Amino acid sequence: MKLMDLATVVRSKNASPFMTTLDLFFAEEENYQLVKGSGVLTPELIASLHKLPVEDVVGIWFVDSCLGIKISILKHYP
Protein backbone atom coordinates (compact mmCIF):
# COMPACT_ATOMS: atom_id res chain seq x y z
CA MET A 1 0.00 0.00 0.00
CA LYS A 2 1.27 3.48 -0.84
CA LEU A 3 1.22 6.42 1.54
CA MET A 4 -0.49 8.50 -1.14
CA ASP A 5 -3.42 6.06 -1.02
CA LEU A 6 -3.87 6.61 2.72
CA ALA A 7 -3.16 10.30 3.29
CA THR A 8 -5.52 12.98 2.01
CA VAL A 9 -2.90 15.76 2.16
CA VAL A 10 0.82 15.39 1.48
CA ARG A 11 2.74 18.64 1.25
CA SER A 12 6.14 20.16 1.83
CA LYS A 13 6.90 23.70 2.88
CA ASN A 14 9.74 25.89 4.01
CA ALA A 15 9.86 25.89 7.79
CA SER A 16 12.80 28.30 7.85
CA PRO A 17 15.76 29.17 5.62
CA PHE A 18 17.42 26.00 6.93
CA MET A 19 14.58 23.50 7.24
CA THR A 20 11.87 21.85 5.15
CA THR A 21 8.78 20.33 6.71
CA LEU A 22 6.70 17.54 5.22
CA ASP A 23 3.09 17.33 6.41
CA LEU A 24 0.82 14.32 6.06
CA PHE A 25 -2.85 14.50 7.02
CA PHE A 26 -5.41 11.73 7.07
CA ALA A 27 -9.20 11.97 6.75
CA GLU A 28 -9.73 8.67 8.53
CA GLU A 29 -8.27 7.72 11.89
CA GLU A 30 -7.91 4.11 10.75
CA ASN A 31 -5.46 5.14 8.01
CA TYR A 32 -3.54 7.43 10.37
CA GLN A 33 -3.21 4.70 13.00
CA LEU A 34 -2.14 2.20 10.33
CA VAL A 35 0.77 4.42 9.27
CA LYS A 36 1.64 5.46 12.83
CA GLY A 37 1.63 1.89 14.10
CA SER A 38 3.53 0.44 11.15
CA GLY A 39 6.90 1.74 12.30
CA VAL A 40 7.78 2.42 8.66
CA LEU A 41 8.31 6.19 8.99
CA THR A 42 11.77 6.34 10.54
CA PRO A 43 14.60 8.85 10.30
CA GLU A 44 16.58 6.23 8.38
CA LEU A 45 13.85 5.85 5.74
CA ILE A 46 13.38 9.61 5.33
CA ALA A 47 17.15 10.12 5.03
CA SER A 48 17.40 7.37 2.44
CA LEU A 49 14.51 8.71 0.35
CA HIS A 50 15.92 12.24 0.36
CA LYS A 51 19.56 11.15 0.05
CA LEU A 52 20.51 12.84 3.32
CA PRO A 53 22.57 11.81 6.31
CA VAL A 54 20.23 10.44 8.99
CA GLU A 55 21.31 13.21 11.38
CA ASP A 56 19.72 15.75 9.00
CA VAL A 57 16.28 14.36 9.82
CA VAL A 58 15.34 16.71 12.65
CA GLY A 59 12.29 14.75 13.72
CA ILE A 60 9.11 12.87 12.96
CA TRP A 61 6.08 13.83 15.03
CA PHE A 62 2.70 12.11 15.16
CA VAL A 63 -0.06 14.58 16.06
CA ASP A 64 -3.07 12.52 17.10
CA SER A 65 -5.38 15.51 17.59
CA CYS A 66 -5.34 16.36 13.85
CA LEU A 67 -4.49 12.95 12.41
CA GLY A 68 -1.25 14.42 11.11
CA ILE A 69 2.40 13.58 10.79
CA LYS A 70 5.10 16.24 10.58
CA ILE A 71 8.60 15.44 9.33
CA SER A 72 11.35 18.07 9.44
CA ILE A 73 14.63 17.83 7.54
CA LEU A 74 17.57 20.18 7.17
CA LYS A 75 18.05 21.87 3.80
CA HIS A 76 21.26 21.49 1.85
CA TYR A 77 22.72 24.25 -0.23
CA PRO A 78 25.26 23.73 -3.02
C-alpha atoms as a PDB file:
ATOM      1  CA  MET A   1       0.000   0.000   0.000  1.00  0.00           C
ATOM      2  CA  LYS A   2       1.273   3.481  -0.844  1.00  0.00           C
ATOM      3  CA  LEU A   3       1.218   6.419   1.544  1.00  0.00           C
ATOM      4  CA  MET A   4      -0.488   8.503  -1.142  1.00  0.00           C
ATOM      5  CA  ASP A   5      -3.416   6.057  -1.020  1.00  0.00           C
ATOM      6  CA  LEU A   6      -3.874   6.606   2.723  1.00  0.00           C
ATOM      7  CA  ALA A   7      -3.159  10.304   3.288  1.00  0.00           C
ATOM      8  CA  THR A   8      -5.517  12.981   2.011  1.00  0.00           C
ATOM      9  CA  VAL A   9      -2.896  15.759   2.156  1.00  0.00           C
ATOM     10  CA  VAL A  10       0.824  15.391   1.476  1.00  0.00           C
ATOM     11  CA  ARG A  11       2.743  18.644   1.246  1.00  0.00           C
ATOM     12  CA  SER A  12       6.139  20.162   1.832  1.00  0.00           C
ATOM     13  CA  LYS A  13       6.903  23.696   2.881  1.00  0.00           C
ATOM     14  CA  ASN A  14       9.739  25.889   4.005  1.00  0.00           C
ATOM     15  CA  ALA A  15       9.864  25.889   7.788  1.00  0.00           C
ATOM     16  CA  SER A  16      12.803  28.296   7.845  1.00  0.00           C
ATOM     17  CA  PRO A  17      15.758  29.171   5.622  1.00  0.00           C
ATOM     18  CA  PHE A  18      17.418  26.004   6.929  1.00  0.00           C
ATOM     19  CA  MET A  19      14.583  23.500   7.241  1.00  0.00           C
ATOM     20  CA  THR A  20      11.868  21.851   5.148  1.00  0.00           C
ATOM     21  CA  THR A  21       8.781  20.329   6.708  1.00  0.00           C
ATOM     22  CA  LEU A  22       6.696  17.541   5.216  1.00  0.00           C
ATOM     23  CA  ASP A  23       3.086  17.334   6.409  1.00  0.00           C
ATOM     24  CA  LEU A  24       0.818  14.319   6.060  1.00  0.00           C
ATOM     25  CA  PHE A  25      -2.853  14.503   7.018  1.00  0.00           C
ATOM     26  CA  PHE A  26      -5.413  11.733   7.073  1.00  0.00           C
ATOM     27  CA  ALA A  27      -9.202  11.969   6.755  1.00  0.00           C
ATOM     28  CA  GLU A  28      -9.731   8.672   8.532  1.00  0.00           C
ATOM     29  CA  GLU A  29      -8.269   7.722  11.885  1.00  0.00           C
ATOM     30  CA  GLU A  30      -7.909   4.112  10.746  1.00  0.00           C
ATOM     31  CA  ASN A  31      -5.459   5.137   8.007  1.00  0.00           C
ATOM     32  CA  TYR A  32      -3.537   7.433  10.372  1.00  0.00           C
ATOM     33  CA  GLN A  33      -3.211   4.699  12.996  1.00  0.00           C
ATOM     34  CA  LEU A  34      -2.141   2.203  10.330  1.00  0.00           C
ATOM     35  CA  VAL A  35       0.770   4.424   9.274  1.00  0.00           C
ATOM     36  CA  LYS A  36       1.644   5.456  12.831  1.00  0.00           C
ATOM     37  CA  GLY A  37       1.632   1.888  14.104  1.00  0.00           C
ATOM     38  CA  SER A  38       3.530   0.439  11.149  1.00  0.00           C
ATOM     39  CA  GLY A  39       6.904   1.745  12.302  1.00  0.00           C
ATOM     40  CA  VAL A  40       7.779   2.425   8.658  1.00  0.00           C
ATOM     41  CA  LEU A  41       8.313   6.187   8.991  1.00  0.00           C
ATOM     42  CA  THR A  42      11.769   6.344  10.543  1.00  0.00           C
ATOM     43  CA  PRO A  43      14.605   8.849  10.298  1.00  0.00           C
ATOM     44  CA  GLU A  44      16.577   6.227   8.382  1.00  0.00           C
ATOM     45  CA  LEU A  45      13.851   5.849   5.745  1.00  0.00           C
ATOM     46  CA  ILE A  46      13.381   9.606   5.334  1.00  0.00           C
ATOM     47  CA  ALA A  47      17.147  10.123   5.035  1.00  0.00           C
ATOM     48  CA  SER A  48      17.397   7.370   2.442  1.00  0.00           C
ATOM     49  CA  LEU A  49      14.507   8.713   0.350  1.00  0.00           C
ATOM     50  CA  HIS A  50      15.923  12.245   0.359  1.00  0.00           C
ATOM     51  CA  LYS A  51      19.562  11.148   0.052  1.00  0.00           C
ATOM     52  CA  LEU A  52      20.508  12.841   3.322  1.00  0.00           C
ATOM     53  CA  PRO A  53      22.567  11.806   6.314  1.00  0.00           C
ATOM     54  CA  VAL A  54      20.230  10.443   8.985  1.00  0.00           C
ATOM     55  CA  GLU A  55      21.306  13.212  11.382  1.00  0.00           C
ATOM     56  CA  ASP A  56      19.717  15.751   9.004  1.00  0.00           C
ATOM     57  CA  VAL A  57      16.276  14.358   9.817  1.00  0.00           C
ATOM     58  CA  VAL A  58      15.339  16.712  12.651  1.00  0.00           C
ATOM     59  CA  GLY A  59      12.287  14.753  13.721  1.00  0.00           C
ATOM     60  CA  ILE A  60       9.109  12.872  12.963  1.00  0.00           C
ATOM     61  CA  TRP A  61       6.077  13.831  15.027  1.00  0.00           C
ATOM     62  CA  PHE A  62       2.697  12.114  15.165  1.00  0.00           C
ATOM     63  CA  VAL A  63      -0.064  14.576  16.058  1.00  0.00           C
ATOM     64  CA  ASP A  64      -3.072  12.515  17.096  1.00  0.00           C
ATOM     65  CA  SER A  65      -5.378  15.506  17.589  1.00  0.00           C
ATOM     66  CA  CYS A  66      -5.337  16.362  13.854  1.00  0.00           C
ATOM     67  CA  LEU A  67      -4.487  12.948  12.407  1.00  0.00           C
ATOM     68  CA  GLY A  68      -1.254  14.418  11.113  1.00  0.00           C
ATOM     69  CA  ILE A  69       2.402  13.581  10.793  1.00  0.00           C
ATOM     70  CA  LYS A  70       5.105  16.243  10.577  1.00  0.00           C
ATOM     71  CA  ILE A  71       8.595  15.441   9.329  1.00  0.00           C
ATOM     72  CA  SER A  72      11.350  18.065   9.443  1.00  0.00           C
ATOM     73  CA  ILE A  73      14.626  17.827   7.537  1.00  0.00           C
ATOM     74  CA  LEU A  74      17.566  20.185   7.165  1.00  0.00           C
ATOM     75  CA  LYS A  75      18.053  21.866   3.801  1.00  0.00           C
ATOM     76  CA  HIS A  76      21.257  21.492   1.848  1.00  0.00           C
ATOM     77  CA  TYR A  77      22.718  24.254  -0.230  1.00  0.00           C
ATOM     78  CA  PRO A  78      25.264  23.729  -3.016  1.00  0.00           C
END
